[in-house]
Structure formats: structure tokens, C-alpha cells
N, C-alpha and C. Protein backbone atom coordinates (compact mmCIF):
# COMPACT_ATOMS: atom_id res chain seq x y z
N MET A 1 20.01 17.20 -2.47
CA MET A 1 18.64 17.67 -2.62
C MET A 1 17.82 16.32 -3.07
N LEU A 2 18.41 15.77 -3.72
CA LEU A 2 17.89 14.85 -4.47
C LEU A 2 17.71 13.32 -3.33
N TRP A 3 18.55 13.25 -2.32
CA TRP A 3 18.83 12.32 -1.03
C TRP A 3 17.63 12.46 -0.38
N ILE A 4 17.35 13.78 -0.23
CA ILE A 4 16.13 14.44 0.70
C ILE A 4 14.90 13.91 0.03
N LYS A 5 14.75 14.57 -1.17
CA LYS A 5 13.67 14.00 -2.16
C LYS A 5 13.42 12.66 -1.91
N ALA A 6 14.33 11.65 -2.44
CA ALA A 6 14.16 10.20 -2.34
C ALA A 6 13.29 9.89 -0.97
N LEU A 7 13.91 10.16 0.12
CA LEU A 7 13.46 9.85 1.55
C LEU A 7 12.04 10.27 1.65
N HIS A 8 11.89 11.63 1.16
CA HIS A 8 10.76 12.15 1.44
C HIS A 8 9.54 11.12 0.64
N ILE A 9 9.85 10.83 -0.52
CA ILE A 9 9.06 9.86 -1.13
C ILE A 9 8.69 8.79 -0.90
N VAL A 10 9.86 7.96 -0.07
CA VAL A 10 9.91 6.80 0.52
C VAL A 10 9.00 6.84 1.99
N PHE A 11 8.97 8.05 2.74
CA PHE A 11 8.47 8.08 3.96
C PHE A 11 7.03 7.97 3.54
N VAL A 12 6.70 9.11 2.41
CA VAL A 12 5.39 9.62 2.07
C VAL A 12 4.34 8.26 1.58
N ALA A 13 5.27 7.32 0.94
CA ALA A 13 4.65 5.90 0.44
C ALA A 13 4.24 5.00 1.40
N SER A 14 5.16 5.00 2.67
CA SER A 14 5.20 4.31 3.94
C SER A 14 4.21 4.62 4.58
N TRP A 15 3.71 5.91 4.89
CA TRP A 15 3.25 6.52 5.59
C TRP A 15 1.53 6.33 4.89
N PHE A 16 1.35 6.27 3.67
CA PHE A 16 0.21 6.06 2.97
C PHE A 16 -0.17 4.83 2.97
N ALA A 17 0.71 4.03 3.02
CA ALA A 17 0.38 2.58 3.13
C ALA A 17 -0.51 2.14 4.32
N GLY A 18 -0.54 2.64 5.74
CA GLY A 18 -0.85 3.20 6.68
C GLY A 18 -2.03 3.67 6.77
N LEU A 19 -2.47 4.58 6.14
CA LEU A 19 -3.65 5.58 5.78
C LEU A 19 -4.41 4.92 4.83
N PHE A 20 -3.81 3.70 4.02
CA PHE A 20 -4.93 2.93 3.26
C PHE A 20 -5.21 1.85 3.81
N TYR A 21 -4.38 1.12 5.21
CA TYR A 21 -5.07 -0.18 5.35
C TYR A 21 -5.80 0.05 6.99
N LEU A 22 -5.55 1.07 7.91
CA LEU A 22 -5.86 1.11 8.89
C LEU A 22 -7.58 1.14 8.71
N PRO A 23 -7.99 2.13 7.93
CA PRO A 23 -9.54 2.10 8.07
C PRO A 23 -9.94 0.64 7.29
N ARG A 24 -9.36 0.10 6.64
CA ARG A 24 -9.82 -1.08 6.31
C ARG A 24 -9.83 -2.25 7.41
N ILE A 25 -8.77 -1.83 8.44
CA ILE A 25 -9.13 -2.66 9.62
C ILE A 25 -10.46 -2.20 10.42
N PHE A 26 -10.97 -1.08 10.31
CA PHE A 26 -11.88 -0.71 10.54
C PHE A 26 -13.30 -1.18 10.22
N VAL A 27 -13.38 -1.43 8.84
CA VAL A 27 -14.47 -1.89 8.33
C VAL A 27 -14.47 -3.35 8.67
N ASN A 28 -13.30 -3.93 8.81
CA ASN A 28 -13.38 -5.48 9.60
C ASN A 28 -13.98 -5.49 11.05
N LEU A 29 -13.64 -4.49 11.73
CA LEU A 29 -14.05 -4.39 13.14
C LEU A 29 -15.76 -3.89 13.06
N ALA A 30 -16.12 -3.09 12.20
CA ALA A 30 -17.24 -3.04 12.00
C ALA A 30 -18.08 -4.13 11.79
N MET A 31 -17.57 -5.23 11.23
CA MET A 31 -18.35 -6.49 10.45
C MET A 31 -17.97 -7.58 11.87
N VAL A 32 -17.53 -7.42 12.86
CA VAL A 32 -16.99 -8.49 13.59
C VAL A 32 -18.35 -8.99 14.39
N PRO A 33 -18.89 -10.12 14.35
CA PRO A 33 -20.04 -10.42 14.83
C PRO A 33 -20.00 -10.25 16.28
N PRO A 34 -21.46 -9.75 17.01
CA PRO A 34 -21.04 -9.92 18.39
C PRO A 34 -20.73 -11.21 19.21
N GLY A 35 -20.11 -11.05 20.05
CA GLY A 35 -19.47 -12.11 20.98
C GLY A 35 -18.19 -12.56 20.36
N SER A 36 -17.74 -12.06 19.40
CA SER A 36 -16.29 -12.60 18.69
C SER A 36 -15.09 -11.86 19.29
N VAL A 37 -15.37 -12.05 20.53
CA VAL A 37 -14.29 -11.06 21.69
C VAL A 37 -12.70 -11.16 20.90
N ALA A 38 -12.31 -12.48 20.73
CA ALA A 38 -10.74 -12.82 20.27
C ALA A 38 -10.51 -11.93 18.55
N GLU A 39 -11.55 -12.29 17.93
CA GLU A 39 -11.30 -11.35 16.49
C GLU A 39 -11.31 -10.00 16.64
N ARG A 40 -12.31 -9.55 17.75
CA ARG A 40 -12.45 -8.15 17.79
C ARG A 40 -10.98 -7.37 18.37
N ALA A 41 -10.73 -8.31 19.53
CA ALA A 41 -9.21 -8.12 20.33
C ALA A 41 -7.80 -7.98 19.37
N ARG A 42 -8.05 -9.10 18.13
CA ARG A 42 -7.11 -9.16 17.15
C ARG A 42 -6.80 -7.51 16.43
N LEU A 43 -8.01 -7.51 15.97
CA LEU A 43 -7.99 -6.49 15.20
C LEU A 43 -8.03 -5.13 15.81
N LEU A 44 -8.21 -5.19 17.09
CA LEU A 44 -7.80 -3.61 17.58
C LEU A 44 -6.34 -3.64 17.92
N LEU A 45 -5.50 -4.74 18.30
CA LEU A 45 -4.34 -4.94 18.24
C LEU A 45 -3.79 -4.54 16.80
N MET A 46 -3.96 -5.03 15.91
CA MET A 46 -3.70 -4.72 14.77
C MET A 46 -3.49 -2.97 14.49
N GLY A 47 -4.47 -2.73 14.79
CA GLY A 47 -4.83 -1.23 14.64
C GLY A 47 -4.00 -0.47 15.36
N ARG A 48 -3.99 -0.79 16.81
CA ARG A 48 -3.05 0.08 17.36
C ARG A 48 -1.52 -0.03 16.87
N LYS A 49 -1.23 -1.24 16.50
CA LYS A 49 0.35 -1.24 16.23
C LYS A 49 0.23 -0.30 15.03
N LEU A 50 -0.53 -0.58 13.86
CA LEU A 50 -0.45 0.31 12.51
C LEU A 50 -0.53 1.79 12.84
N TYR A 51 -1.35 1.95 13.82
CA TYR A 51 -1.53 3.60 13.71
C TYR A 51 -0.05 4.20 14.59
N ARG A 52 0.48 3.14 15.48
CA ARG A 52 1.78 3.98 15.80
C ARG A 52 2.78 3.68 15.02
N PHE A 53 2.82 2.77 14.24
CA PHE A 53 3.81 2.86 13.07
C PHE A 53 3.81 3.81 12.13
N MET A 54 2.23 3.95 11.77
CA MET A 54 2.06 5.07 10.57
C MET A 54 2.34 6.44 11.10
N SER A 55 2.39 6.75 12.67
CA SER A 55 2.71 7.84 13.07
C SER A 55 4.10 8.38 12.85
N LEU A 56 4.82 7.21 13.26
CA LEU A 56 6.18 7.31 13.19
C LEU A 56 6.82 7.54 11.82
N LEU A 57 6.11 7.28 10.74
CA LEU A 57 6.31 7.26 9.42
C LEU A 57 6.28 8.89 8.96
N ALA A 58 4.97 9.33 9.63
CA ALA A 58 4.48 10.61 9.24
C ALA A 58 5.27 11.73 9.52
N PHE A 59 5.99 11.55 10.75
CA PHE A 59 6.74 12.76 10.95
C PHE A 59 7.93 12.91 10.11
N PRO A 60 8.80 11.46 9.40
CA PRO A 60 9.88 12.52 8.69
C PRO A 60 9.27 12.71 7.40
N ALA A 61 8.06 11.94 6.85
CA ALA A 61 7.53 12.61 5.65
C ALA A 61 7.01 13.69 5.46
N VAL A 62 6.51 14.43 6.77
CA VAL A 62 6.28 16.28 6.67
C VAL A 62 7.82 16.62 6.96
N ALA A 63 8.66 16.28 7.76
CA ALA A 63 9.68 16.92 7.94
C ALA A 63 10.42 16.97 6.84
N LEU A 64 10.70 16.20 5.77
CA LEU A 64 11.35 16.12 4.88
C LEU A 64 10.78 17.08 3.81
N GLY A 65 9.56 16.93 3.45
CA GLY A 65 8.65 17.83 3.04
C GLY A 65 9.20 19.41 3.11
N LEU A 66 8.85 19.72 4.50
CA LEU A 66 9.12 21.24 5.03
C LEU A 66 10.50 21.31 4.73
N TRP A 67 11.31 20.54 4.90
CA TRP A 67 12.89 20.84 4.56
C TRP A 67 13.09 21.10 2.91
N LEU A 68 12.48 20.25 2.00
CA LEU A 68 12.71 20.67 0.52
C LEU A 68 11.53 21.82 0.24
N TRP A 69 10.73 22.15 0.90
CA TRP A 69 9.82 23.50 0.68
C TRP A 69 10.78 24.64 1.34
N LEU A 70 11.06 24.73 2.50
CA LEU A 70 11.62 25.94 2.92
C LEU A 70 13.51 25.94 2.76
N GLY A 71 14.10 24.68 2.87
CA GLY A 71 15.36 24.76 2.65
C GLY A 71 15.88 24.74 1.45
N TYR A 72 15.17 24.10 0.37
CA TYR A 72 15.72 24.32 -0.81
C TYR A 72 14.58 25.33 -1.74
N GLY A 73 13.58 25.89 -0.87
CA GLY A 73 12.76 26.76 -2.03
C GLY A 73 11.93 25.95 -3.00
N ILE A 74 11.69 24.62 -3.01
CA ILE A 74 10.65 24.11 -3.98
C ILE A 74 9.39 24.59 -3.70
N GLY A 75 8.78 25.33 -4.73
CA GLY A 75 7.13 25.62 -4.77
C GLY A 75 7.36 27.31 -4.32
N MET A 76 8.20 27.73 -4.18
CA MET A 76 8.04 29.30 -3.71
C MET A 76 8.36 30.08 -5.07
N GLY A 77 7.75 31.35 -4.65
CA GLY A 77 7.95 32.43 -5.45
C GLY A 77 6.69 32.37 -6.43
N PRO A 78 6.63 33.11 -7.35
CA PRO A 78 5.41 33.52 -8.08
C PRO A 78 5.06 31.99 -9.11
N GLY A 79 3.66 31.83 -9.31
CA GLY A 79 3.59 30.74 -10.35
C GLY A 79 3.68 29.57 -9.58
N ASN A 80 3.69 29.26 -8.21
CA ASN A 80 3.82 28.04 -7.56
C ASN A 80 2.04 28.11 -6.68
N GLY A 81 1.17 27.94 -7.23
CA GLY A 81 0.07 28.03 -6.70
C GLY A 81 -0.18 26.83 -6.11
N TRP A 82 0.33 25.70 -6.89
CA TRP A 82 0.01 24.02 -6.87
C TRP A 82 0.60 23.71 -5.48
N MET A 83 1.68 24.69 -4.77
CA MET A 83 2.34 24.23 -3.74
C MET A 83 1.35 24.67 -2.56
N HIS A 84 0.58 25.72 -2.81
CA HIS A 84 -0.09 26.16 -1.72
C HIS A 84 -1.45 25.00 -1.39
N ALA A 85 -1.84 24.50 -2.62
CA ALA A 85 -2.75 23.51 -2.64
C ALA A 85 -2.67 22.29 -2.22
N LYS A 86 -1.37 21.63 -2.42
CA LYS A 86 -0.51 20.47 -1.83
C LYS A 86 -0.34 20.65 -0.14
N LEU A 87 0.00 21.85 0.12
CA LEU A 87 0.47 22.09 1.53
C LEU A 87 -1.43 22.05 2.18
N LEU A 88 -2.31 22.19 1.53
CA LEU A 88 -3.77 21.85 2.01
C LEU A 88 -3.91 20.77 2.07
N ILE A 89 -3.51 19.96 1.15
CA ILE A 89 -3.62 18.72 1.04
C ILE A 89 -3.10 17.69 2.39
N VAL A 90 -1.85 18.19 2.56
CA VAL A 90 -1.04 17.66 3.46
C VAL A 90 -2.08 17.99 4.85
N VAL A 91 -2.20 19.21 5.08
CA VAL A 91 -2.98 19.68 6.14
C VAL A 91 -3.98 18.80 6.56
N LEU A 92 -4.98 18.14 5.30
CA LEU A 92 -6.12 17.41 5.30
C LEU A 92 -5.54 15.99 5.77
N LEU A 93 -4.63 15.58 5.16
CA LEU A 93 -3.85 14.32 5.36
C LEU A 93 -3.58 13.98 7.01
N ILE A 94 -2.91 15.32 7.66
CA ILE A 94 -2.63 14.91 9.00
C ILE A 94 -4.04 15.13 9.93
N GLY A 95 -4.92 15.80 9.67
CA GLY A 95 -6.17 15.95 10.16
C GLY A 95 -6.79 14.34 9.81
N TYR A 96 -6.68 13.51 8.64
CA TYR A 96 -7.32 12.42 8.45
C TYR A 96 -6.50 11.20 9.63
N HIS A 97 -5.20 11.83 9.62
CA HIS A 97 -4.54 10.90 10.23
C HIS A 97 -5.13 10.79 11.86
N LEU A 98 -5.21 11.78 12.28
CA LEU A 98 -5.47 12.26 13.90
C LEU A 98 -7.06 11.60 13.87
N TRP A 99 -7.90 11.92 12.95
CA TRP A 99 -9.10 11.64 13.00
C TRP A 99 -9.20 9.60 13.07
N CYS A 100 -8.15 9.47 12.22
CA CYS A 100 -8.14 7.86 12.28
C CYS A 100 -7.90 7.21 13.95
N GLY A 101 -7.01 7.87 14.43
CA GLY A 101 -6.85 7.82 15.65
C GLY A 101 -7.76 7.90 16.49
N LYS A 102 -8.65 8.82 16.60
CA LYS A 102 -9.74 9.06 17.19
C LYS A 102 -10.70 7.93 17.28
N LEU A 103 -11.26 7.75 15.81
CA LEU A 103 -12.02 6.12 15.22
C LEU A 103 -11.35 4.99 16.02
N LEU A 104 -9.93 4.87 16.32
CA LEU A 104 -9.28 3.71 16.78
C LEU A 104 -9.93 3.81 18.10
N ARG A 105 -9.52 4.85 18.99
CA ARG A 105 -9.74 5.04 20.21
C ARG A 105 -11.47 4.89 20.79
N ASP A 106 -11.91 5.12 19.63
CA ASP A 106 -13.65 4.95 20.04
C ASP A 106 -14.00 3.51 20.03
N LEU A 107 -13.52 2.94 19.08
CA LEU A 107 -13.69 1.49 18.76
C LEU A 107 -13.08 0.63 19.97
N GLU A 108 -11.95 0.91 20.50
CA GLU A 108 -11.29 0.38 21.70
C GLU A 108 -12.03 0.73 22.60
N GLY A 109 -12.94 1.52 22.92
CA GLY A 109 -13.70 1.87 24.12
C GLY A 109 -15.22 1.39 23.70
N SER A 110 -15.28 0.49 22.59
CA SER A 110 -16.83 0.04 22.21
C SER A 110 -17.77 1.04 22.24
N LYS A 111 -17.47 2.10 21.43
CA LYS A 111 -18.71 3.12 21.30
C LYS A 111 -19.27 2.57 20.05
N ALA A 112 -20.67 2.54 19.80
CA ALA A 112 -21.23 2.28 18.62
C ALA A 112 -20.66 3.50 17.93
N LEU A 113 -20.11 2.98 16.66
CA LEU A 113 -19.59 3.80 15.48
C LEU A 113 -20.74 3.67 14.20
N ARG A 114 -20.14 3.92 13.13
CA ARG A 114 -20.92 3.47 12.32
C ARG A 114 -20.53 2.20 11.51
N GLY A 115 -21.33 1.69 10.32
CA GLY A 115 -21.34 0.42 9.67
C GLY A 115 -20.45 0.59 8.93
N HIS A 116 -20.15 -0.86 8.41
CA HIS A 116 -18.71 -0.96 7.50
C HIS A 116 -18.90 -0.17 6.26
N VAL A 117 -20.21 0.03 5.86
CA VAL A 117 -20.20 0.41 4.42
C VAL A 117 -19.64 2.14 4.58
N TRP A 118 -19.81 3.06 5.78
CA TRP A 118 -19.30 4.07 5.92
C TRP A 118 -17.64 4.09 6.15
N PHE A 119 -17.35 3.13 6.72
CA PHE A 119 -15.68 2.77 6.82
C PHE A 119 -15.17 2.66 5.24
N ARG A 120 -16.00 1.86 4.67
CA ARG A 120 -15.49 1.59 3.18
C ARG A 120 -15.51 3.01 2.51
N TRP A 121 -16.37 4.12 2.59
CA TRP A 121 -16.15 5.20 1.92
C TRP A 121 -15.17 6.13 2.49
N PHE A 122 -14.95 5.97 3.83
CA PHE A 122 -14.07 6.56 4.65
C PHE A 122 -12.29 6.18 4.15
N ASN A 123 -12.54 4.93 3.59
CA ASN A 123 -11.36 4.45 3.23
C ASN A 123 -10.82 5.05 2.13
N GLU A 124 -11.67 5.72 1.26
CA GLU A 124 -11.48 6.29 -0.23
C GLU A 124 -10.79 7.85 0.10
N ALA A 125 -10.78 8.32 1.00
CA ALA A 125 -10.29 9.78 1.17
C ALA A 125 -8.76 9.77 0.99
N PRO A 126 -8.01 9.04 1.56
CA PRO A 126 -6.31 9.05 1.47
C PRO A 126 -5.99 8.71 -0.29
N VAL A 127 -6.94 7.67 -0.98
CA VAL A 127 -6.79 7.63 -2.27
C VAL A 127 -6.97 9.24 -3.02
N LEU A 128 -7.76 9.70 -3.09
CA LEU A 128 -8.27 10.87 -3.51
C LEU A 128 -7.00 11.91 -3.05
N MET A 129 -6.78 12.09 -2.07
CA MET A 129 -6.10 13.02 -1.77
C MET A 129 -4.44 12.65 -2.21
N LEU A 130 -4.16 11.32 -2.44
CA LEU A 130 -2.83 11.12 -2.93
C LEU A 130 -3.15 11.41 -4.40
N LEU A 131 -4.29 11.35 -4.96
CA LEU A 131 -4.01 11.47 -6.53
C LEU A 131 -4.38 12.94 -6.79
N ALA A 132 -4.61 13.82 -5.88
CA ALA A 132 -4.54 15.41 -6.17
C ALA A 132 -3.15 15.74 -5.95
N ALA A 133 -2.58 15.37 -4.75
CA ALA A 133 -1.08 15.75 -4.34
C ALA A 133 -0.17 14.97 -5.66
N VAL A 134 -0.12 14.18 -5.95
CA VAL A 134 0.43 13.68 -7.38
C VAL A 134 0.26 14.59 -8.24
N ILE A 135 -0.82 14.54 -8.98
CA ILE A 135 -1.23 15.53 -9.90
C ILE A 135 -0.79 17.04 -9.66
N LEU A 136 -0.67 17.47 -8.67
CA LEU A 136 -0.44 18.98 -8.38
C LEU A 136 1.06 18.78 -8.63
N VAL A 137 1.88 17.88 -7.91
CA VAL A 137 3.46 17.93 -8.08
C VAL A 137 3.87 17.72 -9.32
N VAL A 138 3.44 16.83 -10.04
CA VAL A 138 3.81 16.50 -11.05
C VAL A 138 3.27 17.33 -12.42
N VAL A 139 2.17 17.63 -12.56
CA VAL A 139 1.48 18.72 -13.55
C VAL A 139 1.63 19.99 -13.04
N LYS A 140 1.80 20.38 -11.93
CA LYS A 140 1.71 21.66 -11.31
C LYS A 140 0.63 22.74 -12.26
N PRO A 141 -0.42 22.38 -12.14
CA PRO A 141 -1.52 23.01 -13.03
C PRO A 141 -1.63 24.86 -12.70
N PHE A 142 -1.20 24.97 -11.71
CA PHE A 142 -1.18 26.45 -11.22
C PHE A 142 -0.15 26.98 -10.45
């Protein structure tokens, strides 16, 4: 079980690295001056590659978490409300991940999106979700 837990932590940390950085690429894309075709193309290429890579990392992160939960019974039984809250955060993170993919596709299609300030705030969501998940897992407040 400890090997599964260790691998889960590694894949979650790696997935979060992408969740932290891809929205930062969106900030940079929103700030590209009109006519800077090469800069925009470079940032979109970086975004596509990062999204593909972080998607590959998300699968084992979620699968190993499910293995710990269902296979070893971690967080099951009475007094484990923290696990339900953590699972909600995982669902929100998957939604955030998919939303990032949609935003990337919209940016590739040159759709007029939001400004760099909105993307800066959007970039804070995974930080807050990570903080909540770690507190739930470590402190187990309920």
C-alpha cells in the first residue's frame, strides 16, 4: 500500500504542476500584442504539449487514488466525511482540467476570451483546491 500511496503523491504533484502552469500560459497569451504571430504560436504550442502531458499524469493520479480508496478502504466507514469532501475536490479538479482544455481550444481558435487579469485569478483555483485537499487528508476535520 505504501508504494501505491507514494506513486499517487508523485502523480498528483506532477499533475498539479501542469494545473499551475497552463493557466499561466493563458495569462501570457492574453497579453500577446496583436501581430505577434510567432510569440502566440510558441505559447499555443507550449500549452498544447503541457495539456497533453498533464492529461497523461492525471490518469494515474486518479487511478491510484481510487485504488487506495476502494482497494484498501482508505476513507471508508463512519467518521470519514473528509473523504467525501476530498472526492468533491477531485471532481472539481477534473472539471478544472477539462475547462483548461476548452480554454486552450478557444485560444487556438482565436476566440476573444477574457483578459490577463481574469486568467490570473483563474490560475489561483488549483492552489485553493490543493490547500483544501491537503488539509482534509492530513487533518481529517470531519
